[in-house]
Amino acid sequence: MSRRVLVLVIVVTTGLLGLQGLALACTCAQPASVQEGLQQADGVFAGLVERFELKGSGRVATFRVRRVWKGPKTHRIQVATGGGDGDCGYHFIVGIEYLVFARQGHWNMLQTNICTRTKQASGEVVDDLRALGSGTPVTRQNDD
């Protein structure tokens, strides 16, 4: 009988630990179309990640902006995102270019997450770029 009780305790404990992981999981609604994403965003730009660092409970990516469709037309911009652990934070990689869709967040900083159309500027982003049009190229002179 004690063997059955031990097995039951192990099964219940394992199940509860599995549920804990589910509680921390990020869930996103159906992704918006490119035009809806543009309309909902406060900033849409293409840029290269220069830094990605922890700040408080989240992370901040610093981008060298190349092209802007909406928002500030500045050469460098910081975008906040979650720190992970189920908060839908986007894990940017230094040296990679991204198409970023961001909303105005706390402390007057743009924020993004994995539920937006933000993605690496690779093959899968071509259709998004086509739908967005040419945008505005950004150079250092835009910061003056």
C-alpha atoms as a PDB file:
ATOM      1  CA  MET A   1       0.000   0.000   0.000  1.00  0.00           C
ATOM      2  CA  SER A   2       2.801   2.463   0.833  1.00  0.00           C
ATOM      3  CA  ARG A   3       4.281   1.956  -2.620  1.00  0.00           C
ATOM      4  CA  ARG A   4       0.993   3.105  -4.231  1.00  0.00           C
ATOM      5  CA  VAL A   5       0.897   6.164  -2.003  1.00  0.00           C
ATOM      6  CA  LEU A   6       4.479   7.063  -2.958  1.00  0.00           C
ATOM      7  CA  VAL A   7       3.684   6.681  -6.675  1.00  0.00           C
ATOM      8  CA  LEU A   8       0.568   8.838  -6.237  1.00  0.00           C
ATOM      9  CA  VAL A   9       2.566  11.567  -4.451  1.00  0.00           C
ATOM     10  CA  ILE A  10       5.170  11.555  -7.225  1.00  0.00           C
ATOM     11  CA  VAL A  11       2.510  11.774  -9.962  1.00  0.00           C
ATOM     12  CA  VAL A  12       0.650  14.619  -8.225  1.00  0.00           C
ATOM     13  CA  THR A  13       3.849  16.551  -7.503  1.00  0.00           C
ATOM     14  CA  THR A  14       5.066  16.169 -11.094  1.00  0.00           C
ATOM     15  CA  GLY A  15       1.689  17.315 -12.385  1.00  0.00           C
ATOM     16  CA  LEU A  16       1.699  20.392 -10.152  1.00  0.00           C
ATOM     17  CA  LEU A  17       5.198  21.334 -11.270  1.00  0.00           C
ATOM     18  CA  GLY A  18       4.045  21.030 -14.872  1.00  0.00           C
ATOM     19  CA  LEU A  19       1.101  23.345 -14.175  1.00  0.00           C
ATOM     20  CA  GLN A  20       3.452  25.897 -12.637  1.00  0.00           C
ATOM     21  CA  GLY A  21       5.309  26.095 -15.958  1.00  0.00           C
ATOM     22  CA  LEU A  22       2.019  26.622 -17.778  1.00  0.00           C
ATOM     23  CA  ALA A  23       1.106  29.507 -15.496  1.00  0.00           C
ATOM     24  CA  LEU A  24       4.278  31.315 -16.520  1.00  0.00           C
ATOM     25  CA  ALA A  25       3.822  30.749 -20.243  1.00  0.00           C
ATOM     26  CA  CYS A  26       3.248  33.675 -22.573  1.00  0.00           C
ATOM     27  CA  THR A  27       0.187  33.500 -24.791  1.00  0.00           C
ATOM     28  CA  CYS A  28      -0.473  35.779 -27.751  1.00  0.00           C
ATOM     29  CA  ALA A  29      -3.620  36.518 -29.712  1.00  0.00           C
ATOM     30  CA  GLN A  30      -3.750  35.988 -33.472  1.00  0.00           C
ATOM     31  CA  PRO A  31      -0.994  38.171 -34.962  1.00  0.00           C
ATOM     32  CA  ALA A  32      -2.150  41.462 -36.454  1.00  0.00           C
ATOM     33  CA  SER A  33      -1.769  42.093 -40.169  1.00  0.00           C
ATOM     34  CA  VAL A  34       1.092  44.372 -41.204  1.00  0.00           C
ATOM     35  CA  GLN A  35      -1.311  47.309 -41.624  1.00  0.00           C
ATOM     36  CA  GLU A  36      -2.983  46.629 -38.247  1.00  0.00           C
ATOM     37  CA  GLY A  37       0.441  46.310 -36.631  1.00  0.00           C
ATOM     38  CA  LEU A  38       1.488  49.641 -38.153  1.00  0.00           C
ATOM     39  CA  GLN A  39      -1.720  51.303 -36.986  1.00  0.00           C
ATOM     40  CA  GLN A  40      -1.446  49.917 -33.420  1.00  0.00           C
ATOM     41  CA  ALA A  41       2.270  50.717 -33.049  1.00  0.00           C
ATOM     42  CA  ASP A  42       3.799  53.989 -31.906  1.00  0.00           C
ATOM     43  CA  GLY A  43       7.090  53.084 -33.569  1.00  0.00           C
ATOM     44  CA  VAL A  44       7.954  50.862 -36.536  1.00  0.00           C
ATOM     45  CA  PHE A  45      11.541  50.719 -37.733  1.00  0.00           C
ATOM     46  CA  ALA A  46      14.324  48.491 -39.050  1.00  0.00           C
ATOM     47  CA  GLY A  47      17.562  48.532 -37.114  1.00  0.00           C
ATOM     48  CA  LEU A  48      20.650  46.669 -35.971  1.00  0.00           C
ATOM     49  CA  VAL A  49      20.920  45.656 -32.301  1.00  0.00           C
ATOM     50  CA  GLU A  50      24.052  47.212 -30.791  1.00  0.00           C
ATOM     51  CA  ARG A  51      23.380  46.290 -27.139  1.00  0.00           C
ATOM     52  CA  PHE A  52      20.921  44.050 -25.297  1.00  0.00           C
ATOM     53  CA  GLU A  53      21.116  44.358 -21.536  1.00  0.00           C
ATOM     54  CA  LEU A  54      19.223  43.632 -18.342  1.00  0.00           C
ATOM     55  CA  LYS A  55      17.536  46.634 -16.730  1.00  0.00           C
ATOM     56  CA  GLY A  56      15.464  45.998 -13.645  1.00  0.00           C
ATOM     57  CA  SER A  57      13.104  43.103 -14.288  1.00  0.00           C
ATOM     58  CA  GLY A  58      13.272  43.544 -18.068  1.00  0.00           C
ATOM     59  CA  ARG A  59      15.740  44.095 -20.859  1.00  0.00           C
ATOM     60  CA  VAL A  60      16.575  46.991 -23.140  1.00  0.00           C
ATOM     61  CA  ALA A  61      17.821  46.745 -26.707  1.00  0.00           C
ATOM     62  CA  THR A  62      19.729  49.643 -28.248  1.00  0.00           C
ATOM     63  CA  PHE A  63      19.270  49.843 -32.017  1.00  0.00           C
ATOM     64  CA  ARG A  64      21.130  51.647 -34.759  1.00  0.00           C
ATOM     65  CA  VAL A  65      18.085  52.620 -36.823  1.00  0.00           C
ATOM     66  CA  ARG A  66      18.291  52.291 -40.605  1.00  0.00           C
ATOM     67  CA  ARG A  67      14.710  52.977 -41.757  1.00  0.00           C
ATOM     68  CA  VAL A  68      11.538  54.277 -40.070  1.00  0.00           C
ATOM     69  CA  TRP A  69       7.887  53.826 -41.008  1.00  0.00           C
ATOM     70  CA  LYS A  70       6.381  55.344 -37.868  1.00  0.00           C
ATOM     71  CA  GLY A  71       7.703  57.116 -34.795  1.00  0.00           C
ATOM     72  CA  PRO A  72      10.932  58.948 -34.032  1.00  0.00           C
ATOM     73  CA  LYS A  73      13.374  59.303 -36.915  1.00  0.00           C
ATOM     74  CA  THR A  74      16.484  59.117 -34.777  1.00  0.00           C
ATOM     75  CA  HIS A  75      19.743  57.283 -35.481  1.00  0.00           C
ATOM     76  CA  ARG A  76      19.693  55.349 -32.173  1.00  0.00           C
ATOM     77  CA  ILE A  77      16.743  54.201 -30.130  1.00  0.00           C
ATOM     78  CA  GLN A  78      16.205  52.041 -27.060  1.00  0.00           C
ATOM     79  CA  VAL A  79      13.342  49.551 -26.866  1.00  0.00           C
ATOM     80  CA  ALA A  80      12.297  47.802 -23.659  1.00  0.00           C
ATOM     81  CA  THR A  81      11.070  44.211 -23.554  1.00  0.00           C
ATOM     82  CA  GLY A  82      10.396  41.602 -20.892  1.00  0.00           C
ATOM     83  CA  GLY A  83      13.108  39.699 -19.143  1.00  0.00           C
ATOM     84  CA  GLY A  84      11.747  36.259 -19.958  1.00  0.00           C
ATOM     85  CA  ASP A  85      10.040  33.871 -17.545  1.00  0.00           C
ATOM     86  CA  GLY A  86       6.721  33.977 -19.382  1.00  0.00           C
ATOM     87  CA  ASP A  87       6.385  37.748 -19.763  1.00  0.00           C
ATOM     88  CA  CYS A  88       6.496  37.590 -23.594  1.00  0.00           C
ATOM     89  CA  GLY A  89       9.868  39.382 -23.732  1.00  0.00           C
ATOM     90  CA  TYR A  90      11.669  39.351 -27.077  1.00  0.00           C
ATOM     91  CA  HIS A  91      15.218  37.999 -26.996  1.00  0.00           C
ATOM     92  CA  PHE A  92      17.200  40.245 -29.337  1.00  0.00           C
ATOM     93  CA  ILE A  93      20.651  39.211 -30.547  1.00  0.00           C
ATOM     94  CA  VAL A  94      23.459  41.769 -30.793  1.00  0.00           C
ATOM     95  CA  GLY A  95      24.632  42.237 -34.390  1.00  0.00           C
ATOM     96  CA  ILE A  96      21.314  41.132 -35.934  1.00  0.00           C
ATOM     97  CA  GLU A  97      18.930  43.465 -37.763  1.00  0.00           C
ATOM     98  CA  TYR A  98      15.225  43.479 -36.868  1.00  0.00           C
ATOM     99  CA  LEU A  99      11.971  44.945 -38.063  1.00  0.00           C
ATOM    100  CA  VAL A 100      10.472  46.306 -34.832  1.00  0.00           C
ATOM    101  CA  PHE A 101       6.835  47.122 -34.040  1.00  0.00           C
ATOM    102  CA  ALA A 102       6.694  48.881 -30.653  1.00  0.00           C
ATOM    103  CA  ARG A 103       4.208  50.709 -28.417  1.00  0.00           C
ATOM    104  CA  GLN A 104       4.884  53.627 -26.118  1.00  0.00           C
ATOM    105  CA  GLY A 105       5.471  52.249 -22.629  1.00  0.00           C
ATOM    106  CA  HIS A 106       6.541  53.375 -19.190  1.00  0.00           C
ATOM    107  CA  TRP A 107       9.110  56.143 -18.799  1.00  0.00           C
ATOM    108  CA  ASN A 108       8.395  57.351 -22.335  1.00  0.00           C
ATOM    109  CA  MET A 109      10.256  54.367 -23.860  1.00  0.00           C
ATOM    110  CA  LEU A 110       9.103  52.169 -26.714  1.00  0.00           C
ATOM    111  CA  GLN A 111       8.331  48.570 -25.764  1.00  0.00           C
ATOM    112  CA  THR A 112       7.892  45.391 -27.776  1.00  0.00           C
ATOM    113  CA  ASN A 113       7.338  41.679 -27.181  1.00  0.00           C
ATOM    114  CA  ILE A 114       6.925  38.406 -29.045  1.00  0.00           C
ATOM    115  CA  CYS A 115       3.206  39.089 -29.602  1.00  0.00           C
ATOM    116  CA  THR A 116       3.927  41.959 -32.014  1.00  0.00           C
ATOM    117  CA  ARG A 117       5.116  41.623 -35.616  1.00  0.00           C
ATOM    118  CA  THR A 118       8.714  42.276 -34.457  1.00  0.00           C
ATOM    119  CA  LYS A 119      11.073  39.808 -36.117  1.00  0.00           C
ATOM    120  CA  GLN A 120      14.552  39.354 -37.525  1.00  0.00           C
ATOM    121  CA  ALA A 121      15.068  41.103 -40.837  1.00  0.00           C
ATOM    122  CA  SER A 122      15.530  37.840 -42.702  1.00  0.00           C
ATOM    123  CA  GLY A 123      13.633  36.084 -45.482  1.00  0.00           C
ATOM    124  CA  GLU A 124      10.323  35.931 -43.618  1.00  0.00           C
ATOM    125  CA  VAL A 125      10.205  39.726 -43.199  1.00  0.00           C
ATOM    126  CA  VAL A 126      10.213  40.447 -46.955  1.00  0.00           C
ATOM    127  CA  ASP A 127       6.406  40.404 -47.203  1.00  0.00           C
ATOM    128  CA  ASP A 128       6.118  42.778 -44.226  1.00  0.00           C
ATOM    129  CA  LEU A 129       8.625  45.193 -45.781  1.00  0.00           C
ATOM    130  CA  ARG A 130       6.774  45.066 -49.098  1.00  0.00           C
ATOM    131  CA  ALA A 131       3.473  45.847 -47.335  1.00  0.00           C
ATOM    132  CA  LEU A 132       5.043  48.727 -45.355  1.00  0.00           C
ATOM    133  CA  GLY A 133       6.510  50.458 -48.404  1.00  0.00           C
ATOM    134  CA  SER A 134       9.752  52.382 -48.588  1.00  0.00           C
ATOM    135  CA  GLY A 135       9.755  54.176 -45.216  1.00  0.00           C
ATOM    136  CA  THR A 136      12.268  56.900 -44.386  1.00  0.00           C
ATOM    137  CA  PRO A 137      16.008  56.165 -44.382  1.00  0.00           C
ATOM    138  CA  VAL A 138      17.697  57.379 -41.185  1.00  0.00           C
ATOM    139  CA  THR A 139      21.163  58.855 -40.994  1.00  0.00           C
ATOM    140  CA  ARG A 140      23.079  60.636 -38.238  1.00  0.00           C
ATOM    141  CA  GLN A 141      21.869  63.962 -39.673  1.00  0.00           C
ATOM    142  CA  ASN A 142      18.318  63.021 -38.548  1.00  0.00           C
ATOM    143  CA  ASP A 143      19.495  63.400 -34.916  1.00  0.00           C
ATOM    144  CA  ASP A 144      20.448  67.077 -35.346  1.00  0.00           C
END
